[in-house]
C-alpha atoms as a PDB file:
ATOM      1  CA  UNK A   1     -88.670  78.932 198.705  1.00  0.00           C
ATOM      2  CA  UNK A   2     -87.466  80.735 195.558  1.00  0.00           C
ATOM      3  CA  UNK A   3     -83.959  79.668 194.614  1.00  0.00           C
ATOM      4  CA  UNK A   4     -81.665  82.636 194.081  1.00  0.00           C
ATOM      5  CA  UNK A   5     -78.425  82.507 192.100  1.00  0.00           C
ATOM      6  CA  UNK A   6     -75.551  84.657 193.302  1.00  0.00           C
ATOM      7  CA  UNK A   7     -74.168  87.548 191.298  1.00  0.00           C
ATOM      8  CA  UNK A   8     -70.765  85.924 190.847  1.00  0.00           C
ATOM      9  CA  UNK A   9     -72.314  82.849 189.194  1.00  0.00           C
ATOM     10  CA  UNK A  10     -74.676  84.920 187.055  1.00  0.00           C
ATOM     11  CA  UNK A  11     -71.760  87.134 185.931  1.00  0.00           C
ATOM     12  CA  UNK A  12     -69.658  84.159 184.880  1.00  0.00           C
ATOM     13  CA  UNK A  13     -72.597  82.529 183.133  1.00  0.00           C
ATOM     14  CA  UNK A  14     -73.511  85.710 181.260  1.00  0.00           C
ATOM     15  CA  UNK A  15     -69.885  86.127 180.162  1.00  0.00           C
ATOM     16  CA  UNK A  16     -70.053  82.684 178.594  1.00  0.00           C
ATOM     17  CA  UNK A  17     -73.444  83.336 176.975  1.00  0.00           C
ATOM     18  CA  UNK A  18     -72.232  86.645 175.534  1.00  0.00           C
ATOM     19  CA  UNK A  19     -69.062  85.067 174.154  1.00  0.00           C
ATOM     20  CA  UNK A  20     -71.017  82.294 172.438  1.00  0.00           C
ATOM     21  CA  UNK A  21     -74.107  84.186 171.264  1.00  0.00           C
ATOM     22  CA  UNK A  22     -72.482  87.339 169.885  1.00  0.00           C
ATOM     23  CA  UNK A  23     -75.046  89.789 168.527  1.00  0.00           C
ATOM     24  CA  UNK A  24     -77.912  87.516 169.662  1.00  0.00           C
ATOM     25  CA  UNK A  25     -76.968  88.172 173.296  1.00  0.00           C
ATOM     26  CA  UNK A  26     -79.465  91.042 173.887  1.00  0.00           C
ATOM     27  CA  UNK A  27     -82.203  89.083 172.123  1.00  0.00           C
ATOM     28  CA  UNK A  28     -81.670  86.032 174.347  1.00  0.00           C
ATOM     29  CA  UNK A  29     -81.631  88.117 177.509  1.00  0.00           C
ATOM     30  CA  UNK A  30     -84.763  90.067 176.584  1.00  0.00           C
ATOM     31  CA  UNK A  31     -86.693  86.890 175.700  1.00  0.00           C
ATOM     32  CA  UNK A  32     -85.830  85.445 179.100  1.00  0.00           C
ATOM     33  CA  UNK A  33     -86.784  88.594 181.013  1.00  0.00           C
ATOM     34  CA  UNK A  34     -83.159  89.500 181.774  1.00  0.00           C
ATOM     35  CA  UNK A  35     -83.341  93.013 180.238  1.00  0.00           C
ATOM     36  CA  UNK A  36     -81.758  94.402 183.376  1.00  0.00           C
ATOM     37  CA  UNK A  37     -78.465  92.702 182.430  1.00  0.00           C
ATOM     38  CA  UNK A  38     -78.284  93.735 178.761  1.00  0.00           C
ATOM     39  CA  UNK A  39     -76.173  96.814 179.506  1.00  0.00           C
ATOM     40  CA  UNK A  40     -74.294  95.537 182.551  1.00  0.00           C
ATOM     41  CA  UNK A  41     -74.097  92.299 184.539  1.00  0.00           C
ATOM     42  CA  UNK A  42     -75.042  92.198 188.220  1.00  0.00           C
ATOM     43  CA  UNK A  43     -72.430  92.879 190.904  1.00  0.00           C
ATOM     44  CA  UNK A  44     -69.831  90.112 191.050  1.00  0.00           C
ATOM     45  CA  UNK A  45     -70.565  89.014 194.633  1.00  0.00           C
ATOM     46  CA  UNK A  46     -72.515  86.445 196.655  1.00  0.00           C
ATOM     47  CA  UNK A  47     -75.716  88.519 196.735  1.00  0.00           C
ATOM     48  CA  UNK A  48     -78.748  87.083 194.903  1.00  0.00           C
ATOM     49  CA  UNK A  49     -78.954  88.322 191.319  1.00  0.00           C
ATOM     50  CA  UNK A  50     -81.407  86.047 189.498  1.00  0.00           C
ATOM     51  CA  UNK A  51     -83.814  83.242 190.298  1.00  0.00           C
ATOM     52  CA  UNK A  52     -83.415  79.644 189.230  1.00  0.00           C
ATOM     53  CA  UNK A  53     -86.595  80.052 187.193  1.00  0.00           C
ATOM     54  CA  UNK A  54     -85.071  83.008 185.324  1.00  0.00           C
ATOM     55  CA  UNK A  55     -82.020  80.892 184.495  1.00  0.00           C
ATOM     56  CA  UNK A  56     -84.326  78.138 183.288  1.00  0.00           C
ATOM     57  CA  UNK A  57     -86.251  80.565 181.076  1.00  0.00           C
ATOM     58  CA  UNK A  58     -83.010  81.789 179.514  1.00  0.00           C
ATOM     59  CA  UNK A  59     -81.902  78.265 178.591  1.00  0.00           C
ATOM     60  CA  UNK A  60     -85.445  77.303 177.605  1.00  0.00           C
ATOM     61  CA  UNK A  61     -85.429  80.244 175.186  1.00  0.00           C
ATOM     62  CA  UNK A  62     -82.180  79.024 173.664  1.00  0.00           C
ATOM     63  CA  UNK A  63     -83.722  75.563 173.303  1.00  0.00           C
ATOM     64  CA  UNK A  64     -86.786  76.982 171.564  1.00  0.00           C
ATOM     65  CA  UNK A  65     -84.624  79.019 169.169  1.00  0.00           C
ATOM     66  CA  UNK A  66     -81.960  76.406 168.389  1.00  0.00           C
ATOM     67  CA  UNK A  67     -83.445  72.974 169.023  1.00  0.00           C
ATOM     68  CA  UNK A  68     -81.868  70.152 170.987  1.00  0.00           C
ATOM     69  CA  UNK A  69     -78.512  69.438 169.237  1.00  0.00           C
ATOM     70  CA  UNK A  70     -77.527  73.105 168.893  1.00  0.00           C
ATOM     71  CA  UNK A  71     -78.641  73.886 172.443  1.00  0.00           C
ATOM     72  CA  UNK A  72     -76.363  71.115 173.675  1.00  0.00           C
ATOM     73  CA  UNK A  73     -73.473  72.595 171.662  1.00  0.00           C
ATOM     74  CA  UNK A  74     -74.316  76.098 172.905  1.00  0.00           C
ATOM     75  CA  UNK A  75     -74.323  74.879 176.515  1.00  0.00           C
ATOM     76  CA  UNK A  76     -71.044  72.981 176.065  1.00  0.00           C
ATOM     77  CA  UNK A  77     -69.391  76.128 174.689  1.00  0.00           C
ATOM     78  CA  UNK A  78     -70.849  78.215 177.536  1.00  0.00           C
ATOM     79  CA  UNK A  79     -69.508  75.641 179.996  1.00  0.00           C
ATOM     80  CA  UNK A  80     -66.022  76.029 178.505  1.00  0.00           C
ATOM     81  CA  UNK A  81     -66.165  79.813 178.807  1.00  0.00           C
ATOM     82  CA  UNK A  82     -67.626  79.668 182.334  1.00  0.00           C
ATOM     83  CA  UNK A  83     -64.927  77.242 183.531  1.00  0.00           C
ATOM     84  CA  UNK A  84     -62.082  79.244 182.012  1.00  0.00           C
ATOM     85  CA  UNK A  85     -63.361  82.406 183.712  1.00  0.00           C
ATOM     86  CA  UNK A  86     -63.996  80.577 187.011  1.00  0.00           C
ATOM     87  CA  UNK A  87     -60.421  79.274 187.149  1.00  0.00           C
ATOM     88  CA  UNK A  88     -59.197  82.893 187.099  1.00  0.00           C
ATOM     89  CA  UNK A  89     -61.397  84.007 189.999  1.00  0.00           C
ATOM     90  CA  UNK A  90     -60.101  84.154 193.580  1.00  0.00           C
ATOM     91  CA  UNK A  91     -62.223  81.050 194.334  1.00  0.00           C
ATOM     92  CA  UNK A  92     -60.637  79.112 191.495  1.00  0.00           C
ATOM     93  CA  UNK A  93     -57.152  80.193 192.509  1.00  0.00           C
ATOM     94  CA  UNK A  94     -57.839  79.326 196.144  1.00  0.00           C
ATOM     95  CA  UNK A  95     -58.987  75.829 195.151  1.00  0.00           C
ATOM     96  CA  UNK A  96     -55.759  75.324 193.205  1.00  0.00           C
ATOM     97  CA  UNK A  97     -53.683  76.361 196.226  1.00  0.00           C
ATOM     98  CA  UNK A  98     -55.614  74.202 198.704  1.00  0.00           C
ATOM     99  CA  UNK A  99     -55.526  71.209 196.386  1.00  0.00           C
ATOM    100  CA  UNK A 100     -51.734  71.281 196.201  1.00  0.00           C
ATOM    101  CA  UNK A 101     -51.527  70.434 199.900  1.00  0.00           C
ATOM    102  CA  UNK A 102     -53.658  67.286 199.657  1.00  0.00           C
ATOM    103  CA  UNK A 103     -52.491  63.727 199.007  1.00  0.00           C
ATOM    104  CA  UNK A 104     -53.041  62.654 195.388  1.00  0.00           C
ATOM    105  CA  UNK A 105     -55.568  59.984 196.415  1.00  0.00           C
ATOM    106  CA  UNK A 106     -57.823  62.586 198.089  1.00  0.00           C
ATOM    107  CA  UNK A 107     -57.787  65.252 195.396  1.00  0.00           C
ATOM    108  CA  UNK A 108     -60.625  64.174 193.101  1.00  0.00           C
ATOM    109  CA  UNK A 109     -63.064  63.679 195.971  1.00  0.00           C
ATOM    110  CA  UNK A 110     -62.080  66.997 197.516  1.00  0.00           C
ATOM    111  CA  UNK A 111     -62.566  68.863 194.222  1.00  0.00           C
ATOM    112  CA  UNK A 112     -65.986  67.272 193.655  1.00  0.00           C
ATOM    113  CA  UNK A 113     -67.139  68.017 197.220  1.00  0.00           C
ATOM    114  CA  UNK A 114     -65.799  71.586 197.203  1.00  0.00           C
ATOM    115  CA  UNK A 115     -67.355  72.355 193.819  1.00  0.00           C
ATOM    116  CA  UNK A 116     -70.713  71.034 195.029  1.00  0.00           C
ATOM    117  CA  UNK A 117     -70.481  73.162 198.189  1.00  0.00           C
ATOM    118  CA  UNK A 118     -69.705  76.279 196.137  1.00  0.00           C
ATOM    119  CA  UNK A 119     -72.635  75.541 193.796  1.00  0.00           C
ATOM    120  CA  UNK A 120     -74.936  75.163 196.772  1.00  0.00           C
ATOM    121  CA  UNK A 121     -73.709  78.430 198.294  1.00  0.00           C
ATOM    122  CA  UNK A 122     -74.235  80.183 194.946  1.00  0.00           C
ATOM    123  CA  UNK A 123     -77.884  79.062 194.796  1.00  0.00           C
ATOM    124  CA  UNK A 124     -77.630  75.821 192.802  1.00  0.00           C
ATOM    125  CA  UNK A 125     -77.901  73.105 195.490  1.00  0.00           C
ATOM    126  CA  UNK A 126     -75.913  69.920 194.860  1.00  0.00           C
ATOM    127  CA  UNK A 127     -75.695  66.603 196.699  1.00  0.00           C
ATOM    128  CA  UNK A 128     -72.657  64.331 196.388  1.00  0.00           C
ATOM    129  CA  UNK A 129     -72.466  60.549 196.661  1.00  0.00           C
ATOM    130  CA  UNK A 130     -69.823  57.979 195.816  1.00  0.00           C
ATOM    131  CA  UNK A 131     -69.369  54.361 194.821  1.00  0.00           C
ATOM    132  CA  UNK A 132     -66.323  52.324 193.800  1.00  0.00           C
ATOM    133  CA  UNK A 133     -66.248  53.728 190.272  1.00  0.00           C
ATOM    134  CA  UNK A 134     -67.334  57.347 190.511  1.00  0.00           C
ATOM    135  CA  UNK A 135     -68.389  60.383 192.468  1.00  0.00           C
ATOM    136  CA  UNK A 136     -71.940  61.578 191.681  1.00  0.00           C
ATOM    137  CA  UNK A 137     -73.162  65.160 191.772  1.00  0.00           C
ATOM    138  CA  UNK A 138     -76.955  65.405 191.932  1.00  0.00           C
ATOM    139  CA  UNK A 139     -79.237  68.386 191.397  1.00  0.00           C
ATOM    140  CA  UNK A 140     -82.862  67.956 192.429  1.00  0.00           C
ATOM    141  CA  UNK A 141     -83.640  71.362 190.869  1.00  0.00           C
ATOM    142  CA  UNK A 142     -81.607  71.873 187.715  1.00  0.00           C
ATOM    143  CA  UNK A 143     -81.759  75.433 186.437  1.00  0.00           C
ATOM    144  CA  UNK A 144     -80.319  74.424 183.059  1.00  0.00           C
ATOM    145  CA  UNK A 145     -83.161  72.109 182.032  1.00  0.00           C
ATOM    146  CA  UNK A 146     -85.939  73.550 184.198  1.00  0.00           C
ATOM    147  CA  UNK A 147     -87.982  74.644 181.162  1.00  0.00           C
ATOM    148  CA  UNK A 148     -86.981  71.817 178.811  1.00  0.00           C
ATOM    149  CA  UNK A 149     -88.935  68.571 178.552  1.00  0.00           C
ATOM    150  CA  UNK A 150     -88.961  65.790 175.984  1.00  0.00           C
ATOM    151  CA  UNK A 151     -85.258  65.907 175.128  1.00  0.00           C
ATOM    152  CA  UNK A 152     -83.940  62.761 173.470  1.00  0.00           C
ATOM    153  CA  UNK A 153     -80.734  62.676 175.542  1.00  0.00           C
ATOM    154  CA  UNK A 154     -79.346  64.467 178.610  1.00  0.00           C
ATOM    155  CA  UNK A 155     -78.972  68.146 177.821  1.00  0.00           C
ATOM    156  CA  UNK A 156     -77.080  69.679 180.761  1.00  0.00           C
ATOM    157  CA  UNK A 157     -73.877  69.978 178.725  1.00  0.00           C
ATOM    158  CA  UNK A 158     -73.051  73.256 180.502  1.00  0.00           C
ATOM    159  CA  UNK A 159     -72.603  71.487 183.827  1.00  0.00           C
ATOM    160  CA  UNK A 160     -70.875  68.476 182.298  1.00  0.00           C
ATOM    161  CA  UNK A 161     -68.362  70.604 180.410  1.00  0.00           C
ATOM    162  CA  UNK A 162     -67.700  73.155 183.144  1.00  0.00           C
ATOM    163  CA  UNK A 163     -67.003  70.363 185.645  1.00  0.00           C
ATOM    164  CA  UNK A 164     -64.679  68.625 183.190  1.00  0.00           C
ATOM    165  CA  UNK A 165     -62.668  71.743 182.344  1.00  0.00           C
ATOM    166  CA  UNK A 166     -62.319  72.806 185.996  1.00  0.00           C
ATOM    167  CA  UNK A 167     -61.449  69.307 187.225  1.00  0.00           C
ATOM    168  CA  UNK A 168     -58.944  68.705 184.389  1.00  0.00           C
ATOM    169  CA  UNK A 169     -57.213  72.014 185.084  1.00  0.00           C
ATOM    170  CA  UNK A 170     -57.091  71.630 188.866  1.00  0.00           C
ATOM    171  CA  UNK A 171     -56.019  67.997 188.865  1.00  0.00           C
ATOM    172  CA  UNK A 172     -53.604  68.213 185.927  1.00  0.00           C
ATOM    173  CA  UNK A 173     -55.139  65.181 184.225  1.00  0.00           C
ATOM    174  CA  UNK A 174     -58.162  64.238 182.166  1.00  0.00           C
ATOM    175  CA  UNK A 175     -61.302  63.525 184.156  1.00  0.00           C
ATOM    176  CA  UNK A 176     -64.324  61.838 182.593  1.00  0.00           C
ATOM    177  CA  UNK A 177     -67.622  63.549 183.475  1.00  0.00           C
ATOM    178  CA  UNK A 178     -70.914  62.241 182.088  1.00  0.00           C
ATOM    179  CA  UNK A 179     -74.490  63.259 182.759  1.00  0.00           C
ATOM    180  CA  UNK A 180     -76.163  59.955 183.621  1.00  0.00           C
ATOM    181  CA  UNK A 181     -79.629  61.298 184.559  1.00  0.00           C
ATOM    182  CA  UNK A 182     -81.426  64.394 183.258  1.00  0.00           C
ATOM    183  CA  UNK A 183     -84.752  65.946 184.157  1.00  0.00           C
ATOM    184  CA  UNK A 184     -85.188  67.083 180.546  1.00  0.00           C
ATOM    185  CA  UNK A 185     -85.559  63.433 179.505  1.00  0.00           C
ATOM    186  CA  UNK A 186     -87.847  62.563 182.425  1.00  0.00           C
ATOM    187  CA  UNK A 187     -85.480  61.669 185.284  1.00  0.00           C
ATOM    188  CA  UNK A 188     -86.414  62.908 188.784  1.00  0.00           C
ATOM    189  CA  UNK A 189     -83.077  64.774 189.056  1.00  0.00           C
ATOM    190  CA  UNK A 190     -79.995  65.654 187.052  1.00  0.00           C
ATOM    191  CA  UNK A 191     -76.959  63.583 187.981  1.00  0.00           C
ATOM    192  CA  UNK A 192     -73.372  63.758 186.762  1.00  0.00           C
ATOM    193  CA  UNK A 193     -70.873  60.946 187.224  1.00  0.00           C
ATOM    194  CA  UNK A 194     -67.243  61.956 187.797  1.00  0.00           C
ATOM    195  CA  UNK A 195     -65.331  58.759 187.114  1.00  0.00           C
ATOM    196  CA  UNK A 196     -62.354  57.832 189.303  1.00  0.00           C
END
C-alpha cells in the first residue's frame, strides 16, 4: 500500500520549508519531483496530496545538498515553523480546548496519544507505548529519513522539534522530547521519547 500524506499536513510542511529555504524553495521542490506545488500548495484538507516516498525524496534532497548537520538544523527550523502553524489551525485550537477539561495528570498522555492519532490519520502512522519514565511514539515508516542512510546520529529533528513546540505550548510547560531510535542510523524504526 502506498502511504499518502494529507493536504493539510503537506501544506503546513511546505510552509515551514518555504520559510526556512527562501529562494531555494523552488529548487528543492523541483529536485524532489514536487513541481506541482511550486506555485501553490495542495488544498488544505484531509485528501491525499503527496506520497510518503515523495516526502522522503524532498528531505533526501536537502540532505544531499546540505549534509547531515545542516539538514538537522534545517529540519529543526521546519519543525518550529510547522508547529507554530499547526497550533493556529482548528485542530490545534480544538486540542487546546479539550485539554483544558482534563486532569493535570492525564494531559501529557492524552496529548501524545491524540497527536499520534492525528499523524496516523494524516498518512504518517504512529504507534504509542509507555513506561514509567516516558511515552514513546514509534514510526515504522518514517518519511523524514526514508531516503537517508548512514547518518551519524538520529536525524528526524523535524518530528522531535514539532512535538516539543506543540507539547510545550499545549501543556504550558517544558517537555523533553528526544529521538532515541532512527532508521537513518540503522534502527528498524524511528522512535521518540516524550519524558514524563
